[in-house]
Amino acid sequence: GFSQFRSNFWNTLYVLVFGISFWACGLMCAANCFYRSMPAHNFVTDASTAYVHLPAWHSWYMWRRFVHSPSCAELVARVMDDESQAKTVKRVCQVCGWIILAIQSVM
């Protein structure tokens, strides 16, 4: 949900498709509270799963605004100005990326 295209048309289409997909998922999770296809459902768990879409949407919206703001560009430019800091950031991102991938694979 963080891609940015040069064309306003493609940006709008991208955000629209992302939003529709996200809220379709949320609505399916909410519907799962009432329509249970398996006998192993718990209403509290299903309701929590549906609810988590609200803070997730808010987080996505706020982070997308920040990532595409001039403030973020300025922050990244200042951090990456120093070559040693740029190398450290690159290395930390690589290591953390592999750690997160491993954790997600295990889960």
PDB file of N, CA and C in Angstrom:
ATOM      1  N   GLY A   1       0.777  -1.199   0.000  1.00  0.00           N
ATOM      2  CA  GLY A   1       0.000   0.000   0.000  1.00  0.00           C
ATOM      3  C   GLY A   1       0.826   1.274   0.000  1.00  0.00           C
ATOM      4  N   PHE A   2       2.153   1.194  -0.241  1.00  0.00           N
ATOM      5  CA  PHE A   2       2.975   2.401  -0.184  1.00  0.00           C
ATOM      6  C   PHE A   2       3.566   2.805  -1.529  1.00  0.00           C
ATOM      7  N   SER A   3       3.207   2.126  -2.591  1.00  0.00           N
ATOM      8  CA  SER A   3       3.740   2.500  -3.903  1.00  0.00           C
ATOM      9  C   SER A   3       3.259   3.882  -4.297  1.00  0.00           C
ATOM     10  N   GLN A   4       4.101   4.566  -5.030  1.00  0.00           N
ATOM     11  CA  GLN A   4       3.771   5.916  -5.494  1.00  0.00           C
ATOM     12  C   GLN A   4       4.106   5.983  -6.978  1.00  0.00           C
ATOM     13  N   PHE A   5       3.140   6.334  -7.791  1.00  0.00           N
ATOM     14  CA  PHE A   5       3.334   6.430  -9.229  1.00  0.00           C
ATOM     15  C   PHE A   5       3.407   7.893  -9.649  1.00  0.00           C
ATOM     16  N   ARG A   6       3.995   8.151 -10.796  1.00  0.00           N
ATOM     17  CA  ARG A   6       4.107   9.536 -11.283  1.00  0.00           C
ATOM     18  C   ARG A   6       2.753  10.098 -11.687  1.00  0.00           C
ATOM     19  N   SER A   7       1.901   9.248 -12.197  1.00  0.00           N
ATOM     20  CA  SER A   7       0.593   9.681 -12.689  1.00  0.00           C
ATOM     21  C   SER A   7      -0.431   9.681 -11.552  1.00  0.00           C
ATOM     22  N   ASN A   8      -1.180  10.768 -11.439  1.00  0.00           N
ATOM     23  CA  ASN A   8      -2.249  10.828 -10.431  1.00  0.00           C
ATOM     24  C   ASN A   8      -3.299   9.758 -10.681  1.00  0.00           C
ATOM     25  N   PHE A   9      -3.563   9.460 -11.949  1.00  0.00           N
ATOM     26  CA  PHE A   9      -4.544   8.428 -12.286  1.00  0.00           C
ATOM     27  C   PHE A   9      -4.151   7.087 -11.682  1.00  0.00           C
ATOM     28  N   TRP A  10      -2.885   6.675 -11.895  1.00  0.00           N
ATOM     29  CA  TRP A  10      -2.441   5.375 -11.391  1.00  0.00           C
ATOM     30  C   TRP A  10      -2.377   5.362  -9.870  1.00  0.00           C
ATOM     31  N   ASN A  11      -1.986   6.489  -9.253  1.00  0.00           N
ATOM     32  CA  ASN A  11      -1.994   6.574  -7.794  1.00  0.00           C
ATOM     33  C   ASN A  11      -3.398   6.393  -7.245  1.00  0.00           C
ATOM     34  N   THR A  12      -4.351   7.088  -7.844  1.00  0.00           N
ATOM     35  CA  THR A  12      -5.734   6.991  -7.387  1.00  0.00           C
ATOM     36  C   THR A  12      -6.267   5.573  -7.571  1.00  0.00           C
ATOM     37  N   LEU A  13      -5.987   4.984  -8.721  1.00  0.00           N
ATOM     38  CA  LEU A  13      -6.429   3.618  -8.988  1.00  0.00           C
ATOM     39  C   LEU A  13      -5.801   2.637  -7.996  1.00  0.00           C
ATOM     40  N   TYR A  14      -4.507   2.809  -7.741  1.00  0.00           N
ATOM     41  CA  TYR A  14      -3.789   1.937  -6.809  1.00  0.00           C
ATOM     42  C   TYR A  14      -4.392   2.010  -5.409  1.00  0.00           C
ATOM     43  N   VAL A  15      -4.601   3.234  -4.920  1.00  0.00           N
ATOM     44  CA  VAL A  15      -5.168   3.406  -3.580  1.00  0.00           C
ATOM     45  C   VAL A  15      -6.597   2.874  -3.529  1.00  0.00           C
ATOM     46  N   LEU A  16      -7.345   3.075  -4.590  1.00  0.00           N
ATOM     47  CA  LEU A  16      -8.725   2.582  -4.652  1.00  0.00           C
ATOM     48  C   LEU A  16      -8.758   1.052  -4.597  1.00  0.00           C
ATOM     49  N   VAL A  17      -7.926   0.402  -5.395  1.00  0.00           N
ATOM     50  CA  VAL A  17      -7.885  -1.066  -5.395  1.00  0.00           C
ATOM     51  C   VAL A  17      -7.398  -1.584  -4.039  1.00  0.00           C
ATOM     52  N   PHE A  18      -6.381  -0.930  -3.484  1.00  0.00           N
ATOM     53  CA  PHE A  18      -5.892  -1.337  -2.165  1.00  0.00           C
ATOM     54  C   PHE A  18      -6.999  -1.190  -1.125  1.00  0.00           C
ATOM     55  N   GLY A  19      -7.683  -0.048  -1.133  1.00  0.00           N
ATOM     56  CA  GLY A  19      -8.747   0.199  -0.163  1.00  0.00           C
ATOM     57  C   GLY A  19      -9.888  -0.798  -0.286  1.00  0.00           C
ATOM     58  N   ILE A  20     -10.311  -1.056  -1.515  1.00  0.00           N
ATOM     59  CA  ILE A  20     -11.405  -2.017  -1.732  1.00  0.00           C
ATOM     60  C   ILE A  20     -10.985  -3.405  -1.245  1.00  0.00           C
ATOM     61  N   SER A  21      -9.770  -3.811  -1.564  1.00  0.00           N
ATOM     62  CA  SER A  21      -9.291  -5.130  -1.130  1.00  0.00           C
ATOM     63  C   SER A  21      -9.206  -5.201   0.394  1.00  0.00           C
ATOM     64  N   PHE A  22      -8.684  -4.135   0.998  1.00  0.00           N
ATOM     65  CA  PHE A  22      -8.528  -4.099   2.453  1.00  0.00           C
ATOM     66  C   PHE A  22      -9.882  -4.189   3.136  1.00  0.00           C
ATOM     67  N   TRP A  23     -10.834  -3.374   2.698  1.00  0.00           N
ATOM     68  CA  TRP A  23     -12.138  -3.363   3.360  1.00  0.00           C
ATOM     69  C   TRP A  23     -12.960  -4.599   3.009  1.00  0.00           C
ATOM     70  N   ALA A  24     -12.734  -5.214   1.856  1.00  0.00           N
ATOM     71  CA  ALA A  24     -13.395  -6.492   1.559  1.00  0.00           C
ATOM     72  C   ALA A  24     -12.928  -7.547   2.559  1.00  0.00           C
ATOM     73  N   CYS A  25     -11.636  -7.538   2.844  1.00  0.00           N
ATOM     74  CA  CYS A  25     -11.095  -8.453   3.855  1.00  0.00           C
ATOM     75  C   CYS A  25     -11.729  -8.173   5.211  1.00  0.00           C
ATOM     76  N   GLY A  26     -11.792  -6.898   5.585  1.00  0.00           N
ATOM     77  CA  GLY A  26     -12.382  -6.529   6.875  1.00  0.00           C
ATOM     78  C   GLY A  26     -13.841  -6.931   6.978  1.00  0.00           C
ATOM     79  N   LEU A  27     -14.591  -6.735   5.896  1.00  0.00           N
ATOM     80  CA  LEU A  27     -16.008  -7.112   5.906  1.00  0.00           C
ATOM     81  C   LEU A  27     -16.181  -8.623   5.977  1.00  0.00           C
ATOM     82  N   MET A  28     -15.298  -9.364   5.311  1.00  0.00           N
ATOM     83  CA  MET A  28     -15.358 -10.830   5.400  1.00  0.00           C
ATOM     84  C   MET A  28     -15.051 -11.287   6.825  1.00  0.00           C
ATOM     85  N   CYS A  29     -14.094 -10.631   7.451  1.00  0.00           N
ATOM     86  CA  CYS A  29     -13.783 -10.973   8.848  1.00  0.00           C
ATOM     87  C   CYS A  29     -14.971 -10.649   9.755  1.00  0.00           C
ATOM     88  N   ALA A  30     -15.634  -9.513   9.504  1.00  0.00           N
ATOM     89  CA  ALA A  30     -16.809  -9.154  10.303  1.00  0.00           C
ATOM     90  C   ALA A  30     -17.949 -10.140  10.053  1.00  0.00           C
ATOM     91  N   ALA A  31     -18.147 -10.526   8.797  1.00  0.00           N
ATOM     92  CA  ALA A  31     -19.203 -11.490   8.474  1.00  0.00           C
ATOM     93  C   ALA A  31     -18.925 -12.839   9.128  1.00  0.00           C
ATOM     94  N   ASN A  32     -17.655 -13.142   9.313  1.00  0.00           N
ATOM     95  CA  ASN A  32     -17.274 -14.404   9.931  1.00  0.00           C
ATOM     96  C   ASN A  32     -17.755 -14.487  11.382  1.00  0.00           C
ATOM     97  N   CYS A  33     -18.038 -13.342  12.000  1.00  0.00           N
ATOM     98  CA  CYS A  33     -18.580 -13.341  13.366  1.00  0.00           C
ATOM     99  C   CYS A  33     -19.968 -13.980  13.408  1.00  0.00           C
ATOM    100  N   PHE A  34     -20.693 -13.873  12.315  1.00  0.00           N
ATOM    101  CA  PHE A  34     -22.084 -14.329  12.280  1.00  0.00           C
ATOM    102  C   PHE A  34     -22.282 -15.576  11.430  1.00  0.00           C
ATOM    103  N   TYR A  35     -21.475 -15.715  10.382  1.00  0.00           N
ATOM    104  CA  TYR A  35     -21.561 -16.900   9.543  1.00  0.00           C
ATOM    105  C   TYR A  35     -20.301 -17.716   9.800  1.00  0.00           C
ATOM    106  N   ARG A  36     -20.467 -18.819  10.453  1.00  0.00           N
ATOM    107  CA  ARG A  36     -19.314 -19.631  10.840  1.00  0.00           C
ATOM    108  C   ARG A  36     -19.296 -20.898   9.998  1.00  0.00           C
ATOM    109  N   SER A  37     -18.260 -21.016   9.193  1.00  0.00           N
ATOM    110  CA  SER A  37     -18.182 -22.183   8.315  1.00  0.00           C
ATOM    111  C   SER A  37     -17.583 -23.397   9.028  1.00  0.00           C
ATOM    112  N   MET A  38     -16.873 -23.156  10.114  1.00  0.00           N
ATOM    113  CA  MET A  38     -16.280 -24.257  10.865  1.00  0.00           C
ATOM    114  C   MET A  38     -16.811 -24.216  12.295  1.00  0.00           C
ATOM    115  N   PRO A  39     -16.865 -25.339  12.961  1.00  0.00           N
ATOM    116  CA  PRO A  39     -17.374 -25.339  14.342  1.00  0.00           C
ATOM    117  C   PRO A  39     -16.366 -24.795  15.353  1.00  0.00           C
ATOM    118  N   ALA A  40     -15.151 -24.503  14.945  1.00  0.00           N
ATOM    119  CA  ALA A  40     -14.114 -24.085  15.894  1.00  0.00           C
ATOM    120  C   ALA A  40     -13.997 -22.567  16.013  1.00  0.00           C
ATOM    121  N   HIS A  41     -15.064 -21.821  15.741  1.00  0.00           N
ATOM    122  CA  HIS A  41     -15.005 -20.363  15.819  1.00  0.00           C
ATOM    123  C   HIS A  41     -15.350 -19.882  17.219  1.00  0.00           C
ATOM    124  N   ASN A  42     -14.718 -18.799  17.586  1.00  0.00           N
ATOM    125  CA  ASN A  42     -14.959 -18.146  18.860  1.00  0.00           C
ATOM    126  C   ASN A  42     -15.332 -16.710  18.525  1.00  0.00           C
ATOM    127  N   PHE A  43     -16.473 -16.237  19.004  1.00  0.00           N
ATOM    128  CA  PHE A  43     -16.955 -14.910  18.637  1.00  0.00           C
ATOM    129  C   PHE A  43     -15.951 -13.816  18.994  1.00  0.00           C
ATOM    130  N   VAL A  44     -15.341 -13.892  20.172  1.00  0.00           N
ATOM    131  CA  VAL A  44     -14.397 -12.853  20.613  1.00  0.00           C
ATOM    132  C   VAL A  44     -13.191 -12.798  19.666  1.00  0.00           C
ATOM    133  N   THR A  45     -12.681 -13.938  19.290  1.00  0.00           N
ATOM    134  CA  THR A  45     -11.546 -13.984  18.363  1.00  0.00           C
ATOM    135  C   THR A  45     -11.945 -13.437  17.003  1.00  0.00           C
ATOM    136  N   ASP A  46     -13.101 -13.831  16.511  1.00  0.00           N
ATOM    137  CA  ASP A  46     -13.570 -13.333  15.211  1.00  0.00           C
ATOM    138  C   ASP A  46     -13.808 -11.825  15.243  1.00  0.00           C
ATOM    139  N   ALA A  47     -14.399 -11.322  16.324  1.00  0.00           N
ATOM    140  CA  ALA A  47     -14.652  -9.885  16.450  1.00  0.00           C
ATOM    141  C   ALA A  47     -13.337  -9.111  16.553  1.00  0.00           C
ATOM    142  N   SER A  48     -12.364  -9.656  17.273  1.00  0.00           N
ATOM    143  CA  SER A  48     -11.054  -9.005  17.382  1.00  0.00           C
ATOM    144  C   SER A  48     -10.356  -8.948  16.025  1.00  0.00           C
ATOM    145  N   THR A  49     -10.468 -10.022  15.267  1.00  0.00           N
ATOM    146  CA  THR A  49      -9.871 -10.058  13.933  1.00  0.00           C
ATOM    147  C   THR A  49     -10.519  -9.020  13.032  1.00  0.00           C
ATOM    148  N   ALA A  50     -11.825  -8.875  13.128  1.00  0.00           N
ATOM    149  CA  ALA A  50     -12.519  -7.865  12.324  1.00  0.00           C
ATOM    150  C   ALA A  50     -12.152  -6.458  12.790  1.00  0.00           C
ATOM    151  N   TYR A  51     -12.078  -6.264  14.104  1.00  0.00           N
ATOM    152  CA  TYR A  51     -11.780  -4.932  14.657  1.00  0.00           C
ATOM    153  C   TYR A  51     -10.392  -4.444  14.278  1.00  0.00           C
ATOM    154  N   VAL A  52      -9.424  -5.348  14.211  1.00  0.00           N
ATOM    155  CA  VAL A  52      -8.035  -4.947  13.964  1.00  0.00           C
ATOM    156  C   VAL A  52      -7.895  -4.209  12.628  1.00  0.00           C
ATOM    157  N   HIS A  53      -8.866  -4.336  11.741  1.00  0.00           N
ATOM    158  CA  HIS A  53      -8.815  -3.612  10.469  1.00  0.00           C
ATOM    159  C   HIS A  53      -8.935  -2.102  10.669  1.00  0.00           C
ATOM    160  N   LEU A  54      -9.614  -1.661  11.712  1.00  0.00           N
ATOM    161  CA  LEU A  54      -9.757  -0.212  11.951  1.00  0.00           C
ATOM    162  C   LEU A  54      -8.426   0.461  12.303  1.00  0.00           C
ATOM    163  N   PRO A  55      -7.700  -0.004  13.338  1.00  0.00           N
ATOM    164  CA  PRO A  55      -6.401   0.630  13.600  1.00  0.00           C
ATOM    165  C   PRO A  55      -5.389   0.381  12.481  1.00  0.00           C
ATOM    166  N   ALA A  56      -5.499  -0.754  11.807  1.00  0.00           N
ATOM    167  CA  ALA A  56      -4.581  -1.026  10.695  1.00  0.00           C
ATOM    168  C   ALA A  56      -4.793  -0.021   9.565  1.00  0.00           C
ATOM    169  N   TRP A  57      -6.046   0.277   9.265  1.00  0.00           N
ATOM    170  CA  TRP A  57      -6.337   1.263   8.216  1.00  0.00           C
ATOM    171  C   TRP A  57      -5.795   2.636   8.621  1.00  0.00           C
ATOM    172  N   HIS A  58      -6.024   3.025   9.865  1.00  0.00           N
ATOM    173  CA  HIS A  58      -5.536   4.313  10.342  1.00  0.00           C
ATOM    174  C   HIS A  58      -4.011   4.374  10.267  1.00  0.00           C
ATOM    175  N   SER A  59      -3.350   3.316  10.682  1.00  0.00           N
ATOM    176  CA  SER A  59      -1.885   3.263  10.616  1.00  0.00           C
ATOM    177  C   SER A  59      -1.398   3.384   9.183  1.00  0.00           C
ATOM    178  N   TRP A  60      -2.017   2.614   8.285  1.00  0.00           N
ATOM    179  CA  TRP A  60      -1.626   2.686   6.872  1.00  0.00           C
ATOM    180  C   TRP A  60      -1.808   4.101   6.343  1.00  0.00           C
ATOM    181  N   TYR A  61      -2.928   4.720   6.629  1.00  0.00           N
ATOM    182  CA  TYR A  61      -3.222   6.067   6.127  1.00  0.00           C
ATOM    183  C   TYR A  61      -2.196   7.089   6.635  1.00  0.00           C
ATOM    184  N   MET A  62      -1.903   7.045   7.924  1.00  0.00           N
ATOM    185  CA  MET A  62      -0.959   8.000   8.507  1.00  0.00           C
ATOM    186  C   MET A  62       0.463   7.761   7.998  1.00  0.00           C
ATOM    187  N   TRP A  63       0.902   6.505   7.939  1.00  0.00           N
ATOM    188  CA  TRP A  63       2.246   6.216   7.461  1.00  0.00           C
ATOM    189  C   TRP A  63       2.402   6.546   5.986  1.00  0.00           C
ATOM    190  N   ARG A  64       1.373   6.282   5.183  1.00  0.00           N
ATOM    191  CA  ARG A  64       1.441   6.619   3.758  1.00  0.00           C
ATOM    192  C   ARG A  64       1.600   8.123   3.583  1.00  0.00           C
ATOM    193  N   ARG A  65       0.842   8.894   4.360  1.00  0.00           N
ATOM    194  CA  ARG A  65       0.971  10.358   4.288  1.00  0.00           C
ATOM    195  C   ARG A  65       2.379  10.790   4.676  1.00  0.00           C
ATOM    196  N   PHE A  66       2.939  10.200   5.743  1.00  0.00           N
ATOM    197  CA  PHE A  66       4.272  10.591   6.197  1.00  0.00           C
ATOM    198  C   PHE A  66       5.341  10.186   5.189  1.00  0.00           C
ATOM    199  N   VAL A  67       5.280   8.953   4.697  1.00  0.00           N
ATOM    200  CA  VAL A  67       6.311   8.455   3.791  1.00  0.00           C
ATOM    201  C   VAL A  67       6.392   9.298   2.516  1.00  0.00           C
ATOM    202  N   HIS A  68       5.268   9.827   2.062  1.00  0.00           N
ATOM    203  CA  HIS A  68       5.252  10.622   0.837  1.00  0.00           C
ATOM    204  C   HIS A  68       5.302  12.126   1.106  1.00  0.00           C
ATOM    205  N   SER A  69       5.657  12.505   2.328  1.00  0.00           N
ATOM    206  CA  SER A  69       5.701  13.928   2.678  1.00  0.00           C
ATOM    207  C   SER A  69       7.117  14.487   2.500  1.00  0.00           C
ATOM    208  N   PRO A  70       7.224  15.804   2.332  1.00  0.00           N
ATOM    209  CA  PRO A  70       8.550  16.428   2.263  1.00  0.00           C
ATOM    210  C   PRO A  70       9.365  16.225   3.548  1.00  0.00           C
ATOM    211  N   SER A  71       8.695  16.117   4.685  1.00  0.00           N
ATOM    212  CA  SER A  71       9.394  15.907   5.957  1.00  0.00           C
ATOM    213  C   SER A  71      10.168  14.596   5.958  1.00  0.00           C
ATOM    214  N   CYS A  72       9.571  13.558   5.433  1.00  0.00           N
ATOM    215  CA  CYS A  72      10.233  12.262   5.381  1.00  0.00           C
ATOM    216  C   CYS A  72      11.416  12.322   4.424  1.00  0.00           C
ATOM    217  N   ALA A  73      11.226  12.954   3.272  1.00  0.00           N
ATOM    218  CA  ALA A  73      12.315  13.086   2.303  1.00  0.00           C
ATOM    219  C   ALA A  73      13.490  13.839   2.911  1.00  0.00           C
ATOM    220  N   GLU A  74      13.195  14.880   3.676  1.00  0.00           N
ATOM    221  CA  GLU A  74      14.246  15.658   4.334  1.00  0.00           C
ATOM    222  C   GLU A  74      14.962  14.810   5.385  1.00  0.00           C
ATOM    223  N   LEU A  75      14.206  14.051   6.164  1.00  0.00           N
ATOM    224  CA  LEU A  75      14.791  13.197   7.192  1.00  0.00           C
ATOM    225  C   LEU A  75      15.722  12.156   6.567  1.00  0.00           C
ATOM    226  N   VAL A  76      15.257  11.501   5.525  1.00  0.00           N
ATOM    227  CA  VAL A  76      16.068  10.477   4.860  1.00  0.00           C
ATOM    228  C   VAL A  76      17.308  11.108   4.239  1.00  0.00           C
ATOM    229  N   ALA A  77      17.158  12.280   3.631  1.00  0.00           N
ATOM    230  CA  ALA A  77      18.310  12.955   3.026  1.00  0.00           C
ATOM    231  C   ALA A  77      19.363  13.301   4.078  1.00  0.00           C
ATOM    232  N   ARG A  78      18.934  13.772   5.237  1.00  0.00           N
ATOM    233  CA  ARG A  78      19.891  14.122   6.297  1.00  0.00           C
ATOM    234  C   ARG A  78      20.616  12.891   6.833  1.00  0.00           C
ATOM    235  N   VAL A  79      19.888  11.807   7.014  1.00  0.00           N
ATOM    236  CA  VAL A  79      20.508  10.582   7.525  1.00  0.00           C
ATOM    237  C   VAL A  79      21.480  10.015   6.498  1.00  0.00           C
ATOM    238  N   MET A  80      21.104  10.063   5.226  1.00  0.00           N
ATOM    239  CA  MET A  80      21.923   9.451   4.183  1.00  0.00           C
ATOM    240  C   MET A  80      23.052  10.356   3.685  1.00  0.00           C
ATOM    241  N   ASP A  81      23.130  11.593   4.167  1.00  0.00           N
ATOM    242  CA  ASP A  81      24.216  12.492   3.768  1.00  0.00           C
ATOM    243  C   ASP A  81      25.575  11.966   4.220  1.00  0.00           C
ATOM    244  N   ASP A  82      25.614  11.454   5.412  1.00  0.00           N
ATOM    245  CA  ASP A  82      26.859  10.920   5.958  1.00  0.00           C
ATOM    246  C   ASP A  82      27.046   9.489   5.456  1.00  0.00           C
ATOM    247  N   GLU A  83      28.183   9.229   4.821  1.00  0.00           N
ATOM    248  CA  GLU A  83      28.410   7.923   4.204  1.00  0.00           C
ATOM    249  C   GLU A  83      28.424   6.785   5.219  1.00  0.00           C
ATOM    250  N   SER A  84      28.996   7.012   6.397  1.00  0.00           N
ATOM    251  CA  SER A  84      29.031   5.946   7.402  1.00  0.00           C
ATOM    252  C   SER A  84      27.621   5.655   7.934  1.00  0.00           C
ATOM    253  N   GLN A  85      26.807   6.708   8.100  1.00  0.00           N
ATOM    254  CA  GLN A  85      25.422   6.487   8.526  1.00  0.00           C
ATOM    255  C   GLN A  85      24.640   5.743   7.442  1.00  0.00           C
ATOM    256  N   ALA A  86      24.876   6.091   6.196  1.00  0.00           N
ATOM    257  CA  ALA A  86      24.173   5.423   5.091  1.00  0.00           C
ATOM    258  C   ALA A  86      24.517   3.934   5.066  1.00  0.00           C
ATOM    259  N   LYS A  87      25.789   3.604   5.289  1.00  0.00           N
ATOM    260  CA  LYS A  87      26.195   2.191   5.314  1.00  0.00           C
ATOM    261  C   LYS A  87      25.550   1.461   6.490  1.00  0.00           C
ATOM    262  N   THR A  88      25.499   2.135   7.641  1.00  0.00           N
ATOM    263  CA  THR A  88      24.884   1.526   8.828  1.00  0.00           C
ATOM    264  C   THR A  88      23.397   1.274   8.596  1.00  0.00           C
ATOM    265  N   VAL A  89      22.698   2.262   8.046  1.00  0.00           N
ATOM    266  CA  VAL A  89      21.266   2.103   7.771  1.00  0.00           C
ATOM    267  C   VAL A  89      21.042   0.961   6.787  1.00  0.00           C
ATOM    268  N   LYS A  90      21.860   0.908   5.742  1.00  0.00           N
ATOM    269  CA  LYS A  90      21.720  -0.165   4.749  1.00  0.00           C
ATOM    270  C   LYS A  90      21.936  -1.532   5.394  1.00  0.00           C
ATOM    271  N   ARG A  91      22.956  -1.649   6.217  1.00  0.00           N
ATOM    272  CA  ARG A  91      23.261  -2.928   6.862  1.00  0.00           C
ATOM    273  C   ARG A  91      22.157  -3.335   7.841  1.00  0.00           C
ATOM    274  N   VAL A  92      21.675  -2.390   8.640  1.00  0.00           N
ATOM    275  CA  VAL A  92      20.606  -2.685   9.602  1.00  0.00           C
ATOM    276  C   VAL A  92      19.342  -3.128   8.867  1.00  0.00           C
ATOM    277  N   CYS A  93      19.021  -2.450   7.770  1.00  0.00           N
ATOM    278  CA  CYS A  93      17.834  -2.836   6.991  1.00  0.00           C
ATOM    279  C   CYS A  93      17.971  -4.237   6.413  1.00  0.00           C
ATOM    280  N   GLN A  94      19.179  -4.567   5.928  1.00  0.00           N
ATOM    281  CA  GLN A  94      19.400  -5.910   5.380  1.00  0.00           C
ATOM    282  C   GLN A  94      19.254  -6.979   6.467  1.00  0.00           C
ATOM    283  N   VAL A  95      19.896  -6.762   7.592  1.00  0.00           N
ATOM    284  CA  VAL A  95      19.848  -7.744   8.683  1.00  0.00           C
ATOM    285  C   VAL A  95      18.424  -7.888   9.206  1.00  0.00           C
ATOM    286  N   CYS A  96      17.770  -6.762   9.477  1.00  0.00           N
ATOM    287  CA  CYS A  96      16.399  -6.820  10.005  1.00  0.00           C
ATOM    288  C   CYS A  96      15.445  -7.453   8.990  1.00  0.00           C
ATOM    289  N   GLY A  97      15.659  -7.169   7.718  1.00  0.00           N
ATOM    290  CA  GLY A  97      14.819  -7.779   6.686  1.00  0.00           C
ATOM    291  C   GLY A  97      14.908  -9.299   6.711  1.00  0.00           C
ATOM    292  N   TRP A  98      16.125  -9.816   6.829  1.00  0.00           N
ATOM    293  CA  TRP A  98      16.288 -11.273   6.887  1.00  0.00           C
ATOM    294  C   TRP A  98      15.695 -11.848   8.173  1.00  0.00           C
ATOM    295  N   ILE A  99      15.848 -11.134   9.276  1.00  0.00           N
ATOM    296  CA  ILE A  99      15.261 -11.600  10.551  1.00  0.00           C
ATOM    297  C   ILE A  99      13.744 -11.655  10.450  1.00  0.00           C
ATOM    298  N   ILE A 100      13.142 -10.604   9.916  1.00  0.00           N
ATOM    299  CA  ILE A 100      11.671 -10.566   9.774  1.00  0.00           C
ATOM    300  C   ILE A 100      11.202 -11.664   8.829  1.00  0.00           C
ATOM    301  N   LEU A 101      11.926 -11.875   7.738  1.00  0.00           N
ATOM    302  CA  LEU A 101      11.566 -12.956   6.802  1.00  0.00           C
ATOM    303  C   LEU A 101      11.608 -14.307   7.498  1.00  0.00           C
ATOM    304  N   ALA A 102      12.649 -14.530   8.300  1.00  0.00           N
ATOM    305  CA  ALA A 102      12.764 -15.809   9.022  1.00  0.00           C
ATOM    306  C   ALA A 102      11.622 -15.977  10.015  1.00  0.00           C
ATOM    307  N   ILE A 103      11.291 -14.932  10.750  1.00  0.00           N
ATOM    308  CA  ILE A 103      10.189 -14.996  11.718  1.00  0.00           C
ATOM    309  C   ILE A 103       8.869 -15.287  11.016  1.00  0.00           C
ATOM    310  N   GLN A 104       8.628 -14.604   9.890  1.00  0.00           N
ATOM    311  CA  GLN A 104       7.378 -14.837   9.153  1.00  0.00           C
ATOM    312  C   GLN A 104       7.333 -16.251   8.584  1.00  0.00           C
ATOM    313  N   SER A 105       8.456 -16.780   8.170  1.00  0.00           N
ATOM    314  CA  SER A 105       8.494 -18.148   7.637  1.00  0.00           C
ATOM    315  C   SER A 105       8.163 -19.170   8.713  1.00  0.00           C
ATOM    316  N   VAL A 106       8.637 -18.928   9.928  1.00  0.00           N
ATOM    317  CA  VAL A 106       8.393 -19.849  11.029  1.00  0.00           C
ATOM    318  C   VAL A 106       6.930 -19.774  11.478  1.00  0.00           C
ATOM    319  N   MET A 107       6.366 -18.581  11.425  1.00  0.00           N
ATOM    320  CA  MET A 107       4.994 -18.425  11.889  1.00  0.00           C
ATOM    321  C   MET A 107       4.076 -19.107  10.914  1.00  0.00           C
TER     322      MET A 107
END
